[in-house]
Amino acid sequence: MICGNCGRRMKIGKFKVSVNGVGAMSSHTFPVIEWYEGDKLVAETNTSQTPGFFCQDCGIITGVFLRVKQVGFTKDYDHDIDDNIDKLPKKSCPECGTELDIDYPRCPECGYIF
């Protein structure tokens, strides 16, 4: 892999994430790698060891994380959801006036067949 900063070849090795400090004493701690776009969490993984690359010239370390779970959407797909998209048009029964979805073949109140 080529370093994106200096353009030199990076060394391949093992990228390891460790939990250190007071939190490591708890039996419930585990590493979580998270990727954010701005302030929005998009993807995460609990992988603690993965193939990685190191640039000796720049001091950059990067890991290749597999089995990442997407938990949000990037800005490319972050659109306002139209809540009315799944609503069917309505029709009224000519016999009893009940309002029902347009795909009903029979009125559930009086039995009128459309």
C-alpha atoms as a PDB file:
ATOM      1  CA  MET A   1       0.000   0.000   0.000  1.00  0.00           C
ATOM      2  CA  ILE A   2       1.235   3.483  -0.822  1.00  0.00           C
ATOM      3  CA  CYS A   3       1.136   6.203   1.840  1.00  0.00           C
ATOM      4  CA  GLY A   4      -1.418   8.882   0.970  1.00  0.00           C
ATOM      5  CA  ASN A   5       0.704  11.491   2.741  1.00  0.00           C
ATOM      6  CA  CYS A   6       4.242  11.009   1.364  1.00  0.00           C
ATOM      7  CA  GLY A   7       3.696   8.551  -1.521  1.00  0.00           C
ATOM      8  CA  ARG A   8       6.152   5.946  -0.219  1.00  0.00           C
ATOM      9  CA  ARG A   9       5.495   2.244   0.253  1.00  0.00           C
ATOM     10  CA  MET A  10       4.032   1.294   3.657  1.00  0.00           C
ATOM     11  CA  LYS A  11       5.038  -1.787   5.652  1.00  0.00           C
ATOM     12  CA  ILE A  12       2.339  -4.426   6.225  1.00  0.00           C
ATOM     13  CA  GLY A  13       1.823  -5.959   9.634  1.00  0.00           C
ATOM     14  CA  LYS A  14      -0.772  -6.542  12.332  1.00  0.00           C
ATOM     15  CA  PHE A  15      -2.947  -3.617  13.491  1.00  0.00           C
ATOM     16  CA  LYS A  16      -4.071  -4.207  17.067  1.00  0.00           C
ATOM     17  CA  VAL A  17      -6.518  -2.175  19.151  1.00  0.00           C
ATOM     18  CA  SER A  18      -6.192  -2.425  22.925  1.00  0.00           C
ATOM     19  CA  VAL A  19      -8.337  -1.182  25.794  1.00  0.00           C
ATOM     20  CA  ASN A  20      -6.096   0.443  28.413  1.00  0.00           C
ATOM     21  CA  GLY A  21      -6.537   2.401  31.637  1.00  0.00           C
ATOM     22  CA  VAL A  22      -9.190   2.152  34.334  1.00  0.00           C
ATOM     23  CA  GLY A  23     -11.848   0.915  31.901  1.00  0.00           C
ATOM     24  CA  ALA A  24      -9.735  -2.140  31.099  1.00  0.00           C
ATOM     25  CA  MET A  25     -10.219  -3.423  34.670  1.00  0.00           C
ATOM     26  CA  SER A  26     -13.925  -3.983  34.061  1.00  0.00           C
ATOM     27  CA  SER A  27     -14.951  -7.378  32.703  1.00  0.00           C
ATOM     28  CA  HIS A  28     -17.445  -5.639  30.392  1.00  0.00           C
ATOM     29  CA  THR A  29     -15.029  -3.569  28.305  1.00  0.00           C
ATOM     30  CA  PHE A  30     -14.262  -4.378  24.694  1.00  0.00           C
ATOM     31  CA  PRO A  31     -12.720  -2.403  21.846  1.00  0.00           C
ATOM     32  CA  VAL A  32     -15.011  -0.670  19.372  1.00  0.00           C
ATOM     33  CA  ILE A  33     -13.742   0.975  16.205  1.00  0.00           C
ATOM     34  CA  GLU A  34     -16.151   3.645  14.967  1.00  0.00           C
ATOM     35  CA  TRP A  35     -16.203   5.683  11.753  1.00  0.00           C
ATOM     36  CA  TYR A  36     -17.895   9.082  11.757  1.00  0.00           C
ATOM     37  CA  GLU A  37     -18.865  11.463   8.990  1.00  0.00           C
ATOM     38  CA  GLY A  38     -18.828  14.773  10.817  1.00  0.00           C
ATOM     39  CA  ASP A  39     -20.646  14.084  14.114  1.00  0.00           C
ATOM     40  CA  LYS A  40     -22.720  11.226  12.698  1.00  0.00           C
ATOM     41  CA  LEU A  41     -21.778   7.588  13.459  1.00  0.00           C
ATOM     42  CA  VAL A  42     -21.873   5.609  10.215  1.00  0.00           C
ATOM     43  CA  ALA A  43     -20.060   2.301  10.842  1.00  0.00           C
ATOM     44  CA  GLU A  44     -18.524   0.331  13.693  1.00  0.00           C
ATOM     45  CA  THR A  45     -16.779  -2.951  14.443  1.00  0.00           C
ATOM     46  CA  ASN A  46     -15.606  -4.716  17.579  1.00  0.00           C
ATOM     47  CA  THR A  47     -12.600  -6.209  15.744  1.00  0.00           C
ATOM     48  CA  SER A  48      -9.473  -5.785  17.843  1.00  0.00           C
ATOM     49  CA  GLN A  49      -6.924  -7.215  15.385  1.00  0.00           C
ATOM     50  CA  THR A  50      -6.709  -6.726  11.613  1.00  0.00           C
ATOM     51  CA  PRO A  51      -4.147  -6.381   8.811  1.00  0.00           C
ATOM     52  CA  GLY A  52      -2.521  -2.961   8.961  1.00  0.00           C
ATOM     53  CA  PHE A  53      -0.010  -0.686   7.302  1.00  0.00           C
ATOM     54  CA  PHE A  54       2.679   1.576   8.767  1.00  0.00           C
ATOM     55  CA  CYS A  55       4.602   4.388   7.057  1.00  0.00           C
ATOM     56  CA  GLN A  56       8.021   4.704   8.710  1.00  0.00           C
ATOM     57  CA  ASP A  57       8.587   8.111   7.122  1.00  0.00           C
ATOM     58  CA  CYS A  58       5.320   9.802   8.189  1.00  0.00           C
ATOM     59  CA  GLY A  59       4.439   7.734  11.263  1.00  0.00           C
ATOM     60  CA  ILE A  60       0.977   6.937   9.869  1.00  0.00           C
ATOM     61  CA  ILE A  61      -0.721   3.686  10.907  1.00  0.00           C
ATOM     62  CA  THR A  62      -3.833   2.449   9.139  1.00  0.00           C
ATOM     63  CA  GLY A  63      -5.872  -0.727   9.563  1.00  0.00           C
ATOM     64  CA  VAL A  64      -8.081  -2.688   7.177  1.00  0.00           C
ATOM     65  CA  PHE A  65     -11.210  -3.540   9.132  1.00  0.00           C
ATOM     66  CA  LEU A  66     -13.351  -6.435   7.942  1.00  0.00           C
ATOM     67  CA  ARG A  67     -16.885  -7.313   9.085  1.00  0.00           C
ATOM     68  CA  VAL A  68     -17.793  -3.681   9.747  1.00  0.00           C
ATOM     69  CA  LYS A  69     -21.449  -3.087  10.608  1.00  0.00           C
ATOM     70  CA  GLN A  70     -23.126  -0.062   9.044  1.00  0.00           C
ATOM     71  CA  VAL A  71     -25.232   1.725  11.661  1.00  0.00           C
ATOM     72  CA  GLY A  72     -26.083   4.922   9.785  1.00  0.00           C
ATOM     73  CA  PHE A  73     -25.950   6.448   6.332  1.00  0.00           C
ATOM     74  CA  THR A  74     -23.283   8.608   4.738  1.00  0.00           C
ATOM     75  CA  LYS A  75     -24.321  12.008   3.436  1.00  0.00           C
ATOM     76  CA  ASP A  76     -24.681  10.460  -0.044  1.00  0.00           C
ATOM     77  CA  TYR A  77     -27.738   8.544   1.173  1.00  0.00           C
ATOM     78  CA  ASP A  78     -28.922  10.786   4.000  1.00  0.00           C
ATOM     79  CA  HIS A  79     -32.244  11.975   2.624  1.00  0.00           C
ATOM     80  CA  ASP A  80     -35.405  12.973   4.409  1.00  0.00           C
ATOM     81  CA  ILE A  81     -37.629   9.924   4.540  1.00  0.00           C
ATOM     82  CA  ASP A  82     -41.067  10.410   3.038  1.00  0.00           C
ATOM     83  CA  ASP A  83     -43.431   8.897   5.607  1.00  0.00           C
ATOM     84  CA  ASN A  84     -46.313   9.012   3.111  1.00  0.00           C
ATOM     85  CA  ILE A  85     -44.581   6.816   0.549  1.00  0.00           C
ATOM     86  CA  ASP A  86     -46.315   3.625   1.743  1.00  0.00           C
ATOM     87  CA  LYS A  87     -49.799   5.128   2.029  1.00  0.00           C
ATOM     88  CA  LEU A  88     -52.265   4.045  -0.636  1.00  0.00           C
ATOM     89  CA  PRO A  89     -54.842   6.377  -2.126  1.00  0.00           C
ATOM     90  CA  LYS A  90     -58.302   6.077  -0.575  1.00  0.00           C
ATOM     91  CA  LYS A  91     -61.727   5.435  -2.063  1.00  0.00           C
ATOM     92  CA  SER A  92     -65.239   5.553  -0.596  1.00  0.00           C
ATOM     93  CA  CYS A  93     -67.730   2.716  -0.695  1.00  0.00           C
ATOM     94  CA  PRO A  94     -70.789   3.791  -2.758  1.00  0.00           C
ATOM     95  CA  GLU A  95     -73.109   1.738  -0.505  1.00  0.00           C
ATOM     96  CA  CYS A  96     -72.113   2.761   3.044  1.00  0.00           C
ATOM     97  CA  GLY A  97     -69.557   5.578   2.528  1.00  0.00           C
ATOM     98  CA  THR A  98     -66.701   3.807   4.377  1.00  0.00           C
ATOM     99  CA  GLU A  99     -63.270   5.152   3.389  1.00  0.00           C
ATOM    100  CA  LEU A 100     -60.831   2.367   2.502  1.00  0.00           C
ATOM    101  CA  ASP A 101     -57.593   1.797   0.596  1.00  0.00           C
ATOM    102  CA  ILE A 102     -57.963   1.766  -3.176  1.00  0.00           C
ATOM    103  CA  ASP A 103     -56.758  -1.849  -3.472  1.00  0.00           C
ATOM    104  CA  TYR A 104     -59.659  -3.330  -1.426  1.00  0.00           C
ATOM    105  CA  PRO A 105     -61.823  -5.447  -3.780  1.00  0.00           C
ATOM    106  CA  ARG A 106     -64.705  -5.558  -1.255  1.00  0.00           C
ATOM    107  CA  CYS A 107     -65.938  -3.179   1.443  1.00  0.00           C
ATOM    108  CA  PRO A 108     -65.148  -4.634   4.897  1.00  0.00           C
ATOM    109  CA  GLU A 109     -68.249  -2.965   6.414  1.00  0.00           C
ATOM    110  CA  CYS A 110     -71.089  -3.796   4.020  1.00  0.00           C
ATOM    111  CA  GLY A 111     -69.550  -6.319   1.586  1.00  0.00           C
ATOM    112  CA  TYR A 112     -69.972  -4.173  -1.536  1.00  0.00           C
ATOM    113  CA  ILE A 113     -67.875  -5.599  -4.407  1.00  0.00           C
ATOM    114  CA  PHE A 114     -66.055  -3.014  -6.505  1.00  0.00           C
END
